Every structure is written in C-alpha cells, then in structure tokens.
C-alpha cells in the first residue's frame, strides 16, 4: 500500500466515524435548485481544468488579509 492509499483509507475511516458519532448535519435538508445548478456548473468547469480564484486573492479583495 502506498502512502497516498493509506492517507485515503485513514481519511475515509475518520470521516465515517465522525458521521457515525455526530450524524449528517445535512440529513433531511433540501438543496435549493439555484444552488444545485451553480454546483453543477462549477463541477463541469473543474472537470475541464478551470480553477477559481486563489484564497489569498479573495482574502485581499475582501480585506481579510
């Protein structure tokens, strides 16, 4: 097993345990149609290789940094 495979395995196990202990905070919630569309658009753009703004750029623009 490679280091990356081990990290993925541990990450999945930790996430599973957290959800088991705390439950899914989004369970039973409905995703608004406009949010769903925006997420699907973003997913397509990422699949094409596009990326958004750097966190540092956004933080500077919002005067958080």
PDB file of N, CA and C in Angstrom:
ATOM      1  N   UNK A   1       0.851  -1.169   0.000  1.00  0.00           N
ATOM      2  CA  UNK A   1       0.000   0.000   0.000  1.00  0.00           C
ATOM      3  C   UNK A   1       0.902   1.239   0.000  1.00  0.00           C
ATOM      4  N   UNK A   2       0.570   2.168  -0.880  1.00  0.00           N
ATOM      5  CA  UNK A   2       1.366   3.392  -0.954  1.00  0.00           C
ATOM      6  C   UNK A   2       0.941   4.355   0.155  1.00  0.00           C
ATOM      7  N   UNK A   3       1.752   5.377   0.353  1.00  0.00           N
ATOM      8  CA  UNK A   3       1.422   6.388   1.343  1.00  0.00           C
ATOM      9  C   UNK A   3       0.111   7.083   1.017  1.00  0.00           C
ATOM     10  N   UNK A   4      -0.096   7.377  -0.263  1.00  0.00           N
ATOM     11  CA  UNK A   4      -1.338   8.044  -0.689  1.00  0.00           C
ATOM     12  C   UNK A   4      -2.545   7.149  -0.443  1.00  0.00           C
ATOM     13  N   UNK A   5      -2.418   5.871  -0.730  1.00  0.00           N
ATOM     14  CA  UNK A   5      -3.523   4.936  -0.487  1.00  0.00           C
ATOM     15  C   UNK A   5      -3.835   4.855   1.004  1.00  0.00           C
ATOM     16  N   UNK A   6      -2.811   4.856   1.827  1.00  0.00           N
ATOM     17  CA  UNK A   6      -3.010   4.820   3.275  1.00  0.00           C
ATOM     18  C   UNK A   6      -3.709   6.091   3.754  1.00  0.00           C
ATOM     19  N   UNK A   7      -3.300   7.249   3.231  1.00  0.00           N
ATOM     20  CA  UNK A   7      -3.949   8.513   3.603  1.00  0.00           C
ATOM     21  C   UNK A   7      -5.429   8.489   3.235  1.00  0.00           C
ATOM     22  N   UNK A   8      -5.737   8.006   2.041  1.00  0.00           N
ATOM     23  CA  UNK A   8      -7.139   7.938   1.615  1.00  0.00           C
ATOM     24  C   UNK A   8      -7.939   7.001   2.510  1.00  0.00           C
ATOM     25  N   UNK A   9      -7.348   5.879   2.874  1.00  0.00           N
ATOM     26  CA  UNK A   9      -8.017   4.915   3.745  1.00  0.00           C
ATOM     27  C   UNK A   9      -8.283   5.519   5.120  1.00  0.00           C
ATOM     28  N   UNK A  10      -7.283   6.170   5.687  1.00  0.00           N
ATOM     29  CA  UNK A  10      -7.445   6.790   7.004  1.00  0.00           C
ATOM     30  C   UNK A  10      -8.475   7.909   6.932  1.00  0.00           C
ATOM     31  N   UNK A  11      -8.396   8.754   5.887  1.00  0.00           N
ATOM     32  CA  UNK A  11      -9.348   9.857   5.724  1.00  0.00           C
ATOM     33  C   UNK A  11     -10.781   9.327   5.666  1.00  0.00           C
ATOM     34  N   UNK A  12     -10.994   8.273   4.899  1.00  0.00           N
ATOM     35  CA  UNK A  12     -12.340   7.704   4.777  1.00  0.00           C
ATOM     36  C   UNK A  12     -12.808   7.129   6.104  1.00  0.00           C
ATOM     37  N   UNK A  13     -11.929   6.458   6.832  1.00  0.00           N
ATOM     38  CA  UNK A  13     -12.300   5.873   8.124  1.00  0.00           C
ATOM     39  C   UNK A  13     -12.646   6.957   9.136  1.00  0.00           C
ATOM     40  N   UNK A  14     -11.864   8.028   9.162  1.00  0.00           N
ATOM     41  CA  UNK A  14     -12.130   9.124  10.098  1.00  0.00           C
ATOM     42  C   UNK A  14     -13.460   9.791   9.759  1.00  0.00           C
ATOM     43  N   UNK A  15     -13.679  10.062   8.477  1.00  0.00           N
ATOM     44  CA  UNK A  15     -14.938  10.691   8.070  1.00  0.00           C
ATOM     45  C   UNK A  15     -16.129   9.815   8.438  1.00  0.00           C
ATOM     46  N   UNK A  16     -16.014   8.528   8.184  1.00  0.00           N
ATOM     47  CA  UNK A  16     -17.087   7.590   8.507  1.00  0.00           C
ATOM     48  C   UNK A  16     -17.385   7.603  10.014  1.00  0.00           C
ATOM     49  N   UNK A  17     -16.356   7.624  10.829  1.00  0.00           N
ATOM     50  CA  UNK A  17     -16.532   7.619  12.281  1.00  0.00           C
ATOM     51  C   UNK A  17     -17.159   8.918  12.758  1.00  0.00           C
ATOM     52  N   UNK A  18     -16.742  10.042  12.210  1.00  0.00           N
ATOM     53  CA  UNK A  18     -17.328  11.329  12.592  1.00  0.00           C
ATOM     54  C   UNK A  18     -18.813  11.365  12.262  1.00  0.00           C
ATOM     55  N   UNK A  19     -19.166  10.915  11.063  1.00  0.00           N
ATOM     56  CA  UNK A  19     -20.580  10.893  10.673  1.00  0.00           C
ATOM     57  C   UNK A  19     -21.351   9.940  11.583  1.00  0.00           C
ATOM     58  N   UNK A  20     -20.746   8.827  11.929  1.00  0.00           N
ATOM     59  CA  UNK A  20     -21.389   7.871  12.827  1.00  0.00           C
ATOM     60  C   UNK A  20     -21.649   8.504  14.192  1.00  0.00           C
ATOM     61  N   UNK A  21     -20.676   9.241  14.710  1.00  0.00           N
ATOM     62  CA  UNK A  21     -20.810   9.840  16.046  1.00  0.00           C
ATOM     63  C   UNK A  21     -21.711  11.068  16.063  1.00  0.00           C
ATOM     64  N   UNK A  22     -21.574  11.914  15.054  1.00  0.00           N
ATOM     65  CA  UNK A  22     -22.293  13.189  15.052  1.00  0.00           C
ATOM     66  C   UNK A  22     -23.530  13.195  14.168  1.00  0.00           C
ATOM     67  N   UNK A  23     -23.614  12.254  13.277  1.00  0.00           N
ATOM     68  CA  UNK A  23     -24.712  12.243  12.322  1.00  0.00           C
ATOM     69  C   UNK A  23     -24.410  13.189  11.166  1.00  0.00           C
ATOM     70  N   UNK A  24     -25.210  13.151  10.164  1.00  0.00           N
ATOM     71  CA  UNK A  24     -25.041  14.012   8.996  1.00  0.00           C
ATOM     72  C   UNK A  24     -25.826  15.296   9.240  1.00  0.00           C
ATOM     73  N   UNK A  25     -25.131  16.434   9.381  1.00  0.00           N
ATOM     74  CA  UNK A  25     -25.846  17.678   9.669  1.00  0.00           C
ATOM     75  C   UNK A  25     -26.763  18.126   8.532  1.00  0.00           C
ATOM     76  N   UNK A  26     -26.552  17.604   7.343  1.00  0.00           N
ATOM     77  CA  UNK A  26     -27.376  17.991   6.198  1.00  0.00           C
ATOM     78  C   UNK A  26     -28.519  17.011   5.930  1.00  0.00           C
ATOM     79  N   UNK A  27     -28.631  15.980   6.747  1.00  0.00           N
ATOM     80  CA  UNK A  27     -29.679  14.974   6.532  1.00  0.00           C
ATOM     81  C   UNK A  27     -31.052  15.638   6.583  1.00  0.00           C
ATOM     82  N   UNK A  28     -31.867  15.326   5.605  1.00  0.00           N
ATOM     83  CA  UNK A  28     -33.232  15.840   5.557  1.00  0.00           C
ATOM     84  C   UNK A  28     -33.366  17.228   4.960  1.00  0.00           C
ATOM     85  N   UNK A  29     -32.257  17.870   4.660  1.00  0.00           N
ATOM     86  CA  UNK A  29     -32.324  19.205   4.077  1.00  0.00           C
ATOM     87  C   UNK A  29     -32.473  19.105   2.563  1.00  0.00           C
ATOM     88  N   UNK A  30     -33.121  20.096   2.002  1.00  0.00           N
ATOM     89  CA  UNK A  30     -33.341  20.127   0.560  1.00  0.00           C
ATOM     90  C   UNK A  30     -32.397  21.161  -0.049  1.00  0.00           C
ATOM     91  N   UNK A  31     -31.726  20.768  -1.117  1.00  0.00           N
ATOM     92  CA  UNK A  31     -30.823  21.664  -1.825  1.00  0.00           C
ATOM     93  C   UNK A  31     -31.648  22.528  -2.775  1.00  0.00           C
ATOM     94  N   UNK A  32     -31.535  23.851  -2.621  1.00  0.00           N
ATOM     95  CA  UNK A  32     -32.294  24.741  -3.500  1.00  0.00           C
ATOM     96  C   UNK A  32     -31.837  24.550  -4.944  1.00  0.00           C
ATOM     97  N   UNK A  33     -32.756  24.720  -5.872  1.00  0.00           N
ATOM     98  CA  UNK A  33     -32.485  24.489  -7.290  1.00  0.00           C
ATOM     99  C   UNK A  33     -31.367  25.389  -7.805  1.00  0.00           C
ATOM    100  N   UNK A  34     -31.349  26.665  -7.400  1.00  0.00           N
ATOM    101  CA  UNK A  34     -30.314  27.569  -7.901  1.00  0.00           C
ATOM    102  C   UNK A  34     -28.932  27.170  -7.363  1.00  0.00           C
ATOM    103  N   UNK A  35     -28.855  26.657  -6.149  1.00  0.00           N
ATOM    104  CA  UNK A  35     -27.585  26.197  -5.592  1.00  0.00           C
ATOM    105  C   UNK A  35     -27.130  24.940  -6.329  1.00  0.00           C
ATOM    106  N   UNK A  36     -28.068  24.048  -6.603  1.00  0.00           N
ATOM    107  CA  UNK A  36     -27.745  22.816  -7.334  1.00  0.00           C
ATOM    108  C   UNK A  36     -27.172  23.138  -8.721  1.00  0.00           C
ATOM    109  N   UNK A  37     -27.802  24.070  -9.418  1.00  0.00           N
ATOM    110  CA  UNK A  37     -27.330  24.460 -10.748  1.00  0.00           C
ATOM    111  C   UNK A  37     -25.931  25.047 -10.681  1.00  0.00           C
ATOM    112  N   UNK A  38     -25.693  25.909  -9.680  1.00  0.00           N
ATOM    113  CA  UNK A  38     -24.382  26.532  -9.537  1.00  0.00           C
ATOM    114  C   UNK A  38     -23.317  25.475  -9.256  1.00  0.00           C
ATOM    115  N   UNK A  39     -23.621  24.503  -8.397  1.00  0.00           N
ATOM    116  CA  UNK A  39     -22.666  23.452  -8.089  1.00  0.00           C
ATOM    117  C   UNK A  39     -22.364  22.585  -9.313  1.00  0.00           C
ATOM    118  N   UNK A  40     -23.380  22.293 -10.107  1.00  0.00           N
ATOM    119  CA  UNK A  40     -23.173  21.503 -11.320  1.00  0.00           C
ATOM    120  C   UNK A  40     -22.314  22.264 -12.331  1.00  0.00           C
ATOM    121  N   UNK A  41     -22.548  23.589 -12.461  1.00  0.00           N
ATOM    122  CA  UNK A  41     -21.713  24.414 -13.342  1.00  0.00           C
ATOM    123  C   UNK A  41     -20.262  24.386 -12.883  1.00  0.00           C
ATOM    124  N   UNK A  42     -20.069  24.523 -11.582  1.00  0.00           N
ATOM    125  CA  UNK A  42     -18.719  24.510 -11.033  1.00  0.00           C
ATOM    126  C   UNK A  42     -18.052  23.155 -11.261  1.00  0.00           C
ATOM    127  N   UNK A  43     -18.794  22.087 -11.090  1.00  0.00           N
ATOM    128  CA  UNK A  43     -18.254  20.744 -11.300  1.00  0.00           C
ATOM    129  C   UNK A  43     -17.792  20.572 -12.747  1.00  0.00           C
ATOM    130  N   UNK A  44     -18.586  21.054 -13.707  1.00  0.00           N
ATOM    131  CA  UNK A  44     -18.205  20.961 -15.116  1.00  0.00           C
ATOM    132  C   UNK A  44     -16.935  21.765 -15.399  1.00  0.00           C
ATOM    133  N   UNK A  45     -16.845  22.955 -14.814  1.00  0.00           N
ATOM    134  CA  UNK A  45     -15.664  23.798 -15.036  1.00  0.00           C
ATOM    135  C   UNK A  45     -14.407  23.145 -14.473  1.00  0.00           C
ATOM    136  N   UNK A  46     -14.515  22.582 -13.294  1.00  0.00           N
ATOM    137  CA  UNK A  46     -13.361  21.912 -12.685  1.00  0.00           C
ATOM    138  C   UNK A  46     -12.961  20.709 -13.527  1.00  0.00           C
ATOM    139  N   UNK A  47     -13.942  19.972 -14.051  1.00  0.00           N
ATOM    140  CA  UNK A  47     -13.645  18.813 -14.903  1.00  0.00           C
ATOM    141  C   UNK A  47     -12.890  19.236 -16.160  1.00  0.00           C
ATOM    142  N   UNK A  48     -13.139  20.468 -16.630  1.00  0.00           N
ATOM    143  CA  UNK A  48     -12.436  20.993 -17.807  1.00  0.00           C
ATOM    144  C   UNK A  48     -11.061  21.532 -17.444  1.00  0.00           C
ATOM    145  N   UNK A  49     -10.752  21.560 -16.156  1.00  0.00           N
ATOM    146  CA  UNK A  49      -9.447  22.042 -15.734  1.00  0.00           C
ATOM    147  C   UNK A  49      -9.434  23.477 -15.246  1.00  0.00           C
ATOM    148  N   UNK A  50     -10.579  24.129 -15.250  1.00  0.00           N
ATOM    149  CA  UNK A  50     -10.637  25.513 -14.775  1.00  0.00           C
ATOM    150  C   UNK A  50     -10.529  25.539 -13.255  1.00  0.00           C
ATOM    151  N   UNK A  51      -9.966  26.612 -12.752  1.00  0.00           N
ATOM    152  CA  UNK A  51      -9.861  26.789 -11.311  1.00  0.00           C
ATOM    153  C   UNK A  51     -10.353  28.185 -10.960  1.00  0.00           C
ATOM    154  N   UNK A  52     -10.804  28.334  -9.746  1.00  0.00           N
ATOM    155  CA  UNK A  52     -11.286  29.630  -9.276  1.00  0.00           C
ATOM    156  C   UNK A  52     -10.142  30.508  -8.812  1.00  0.00           C
ATOM    157  N   UNK A  53     -10.501  31.564  -8.107  1.00  0.00           N
ATOM    158  CA  UNK A  53      -9.509  32.494  -7.594  1.00  0.00           C
ATOM    159  C   UNK A  53      -8.738  31.862  -6.440  1.00  0.00           C
ATOM    160  N   UNK A  54      -7.507  32.309  -6.268  1.00  0.00           N
ATOM    161  CA  UNK A  54      -6.711  31.859  -5.136  1.00  0.00           C
ATOM    162  C   UNK A  54      -7.306  32.420  -3.854  1.00  0.00           C
ATOM    163  N   UNK A  55      -7.217  31.666  -2.779  1.00  0.00           N
ATOM    164  CA  UNK A  55      -7.733  32.091  -1.488  1.00  0.00           C
ATOM    165  C   UNK A  55      -7.120  33.429  -1.078  1.00  0.00           C
ATOM    166  N   UNK A  56      -5.824  33.583  -1.316  1.00  0.00           N
ATOM    167  CA  UNK A  56      -5.144  34.822  -0.947  1.00  0.00           C
ATOM    168  C   UNK A  56      -5.731  36.023  -1.687  1.00  0.00           C
ATOM    169  N   UNK A  57      -6.067  35.837  -2.949  1.00  0.00           N
ATOM    170  CA  UNK A  57      -6.636  36.908  -3.752  1.00  0.00           C
ATOM    171  C   UNK A  57      -8.000  37.319  -3.209  1.00  0.00           C
ATOM    172  N   UNK A  58      -8.817  36.342  -2.887  1.00  0.00           N
ATOM    173  CA  UNK A  58     -10.156  36.616  -2.352  1.00  0.00           C
ATOM    174  C   UNK A  58     -10.030  37.302  -0.986  1.00  0.00           C
ATOM    175  N   UNK A  59      -9.136  36.816  -0.144  1.00  0.00           N
ATOM    176  CA  UNK A  59      -8.935  37.404   1.184  1.00  0.00           C
ATOM    177  C   UNK A  59      -8.505  38.867   1.053  1.00  0.00           C
ATOM    178  N   UNK A  60      -7.615  39.160   0.126  1.00  0.00           N
ATOM    179  CA  UNK A  60      -7.184  40.556  -0.087  1.00  0.00           C
ATOM    180  C   UNK A  60      -8.327  41.417  -0.584  1.00  0.00           C
ATOM    181  N   UNK A  61      -9.101  40.892  -1.535  1.00  0.00           N
ATOM    182  CA  UNK A  61     -10.233  41.647  -2.088  1.00  0.00           C
ATOM    183  C   UNK A  61     -11.255  41.968  -1.015  1.00  0.00           C
ATOM    184  N   UNK A  62     -11.476  41.019  -0.087  1.00  0.00           N
ATOM    185  CA  UNK A  62     -12.439  41.220   0.994  1.00  0.00           C
ATOM    186  C   UNK A  62     -11.811  41.892   2.212  1.00  0.00           C
ATOM    187  N   UNK A  63     -10.552  42.263   2.049  1.00  0.00           N
ATOM    188  CA  UNK A  63      -9.789  42.937   3.111  1.00  0.00           C
ATOM    189  C   UNK A  63      -9.748  42.100   4.383  1.00  0.00           C
ATOM    190  N   UNK A  64      -9.530  40.795   4.183  1.00  0.00           N
ATOM    191  CA  UNK A  64      -9.395  39.878   5.303  1.00  0.00           C
ATOM    192  C   UNK A  64      -7.940  39.564   5.593  1.00  0.00           C
ATOM    193  N   UNK A  65      -7.065  39.977   4.688  1.00  0.00           N
ATOM    194  CA  UNK A  65      -5.633  39.696   4.862  1.00  0.00           C
ATOM    195  C   UNK A  65      -4.831  40.973   4.825  1.00  0.00           C
TER     196      UNK A  65
END
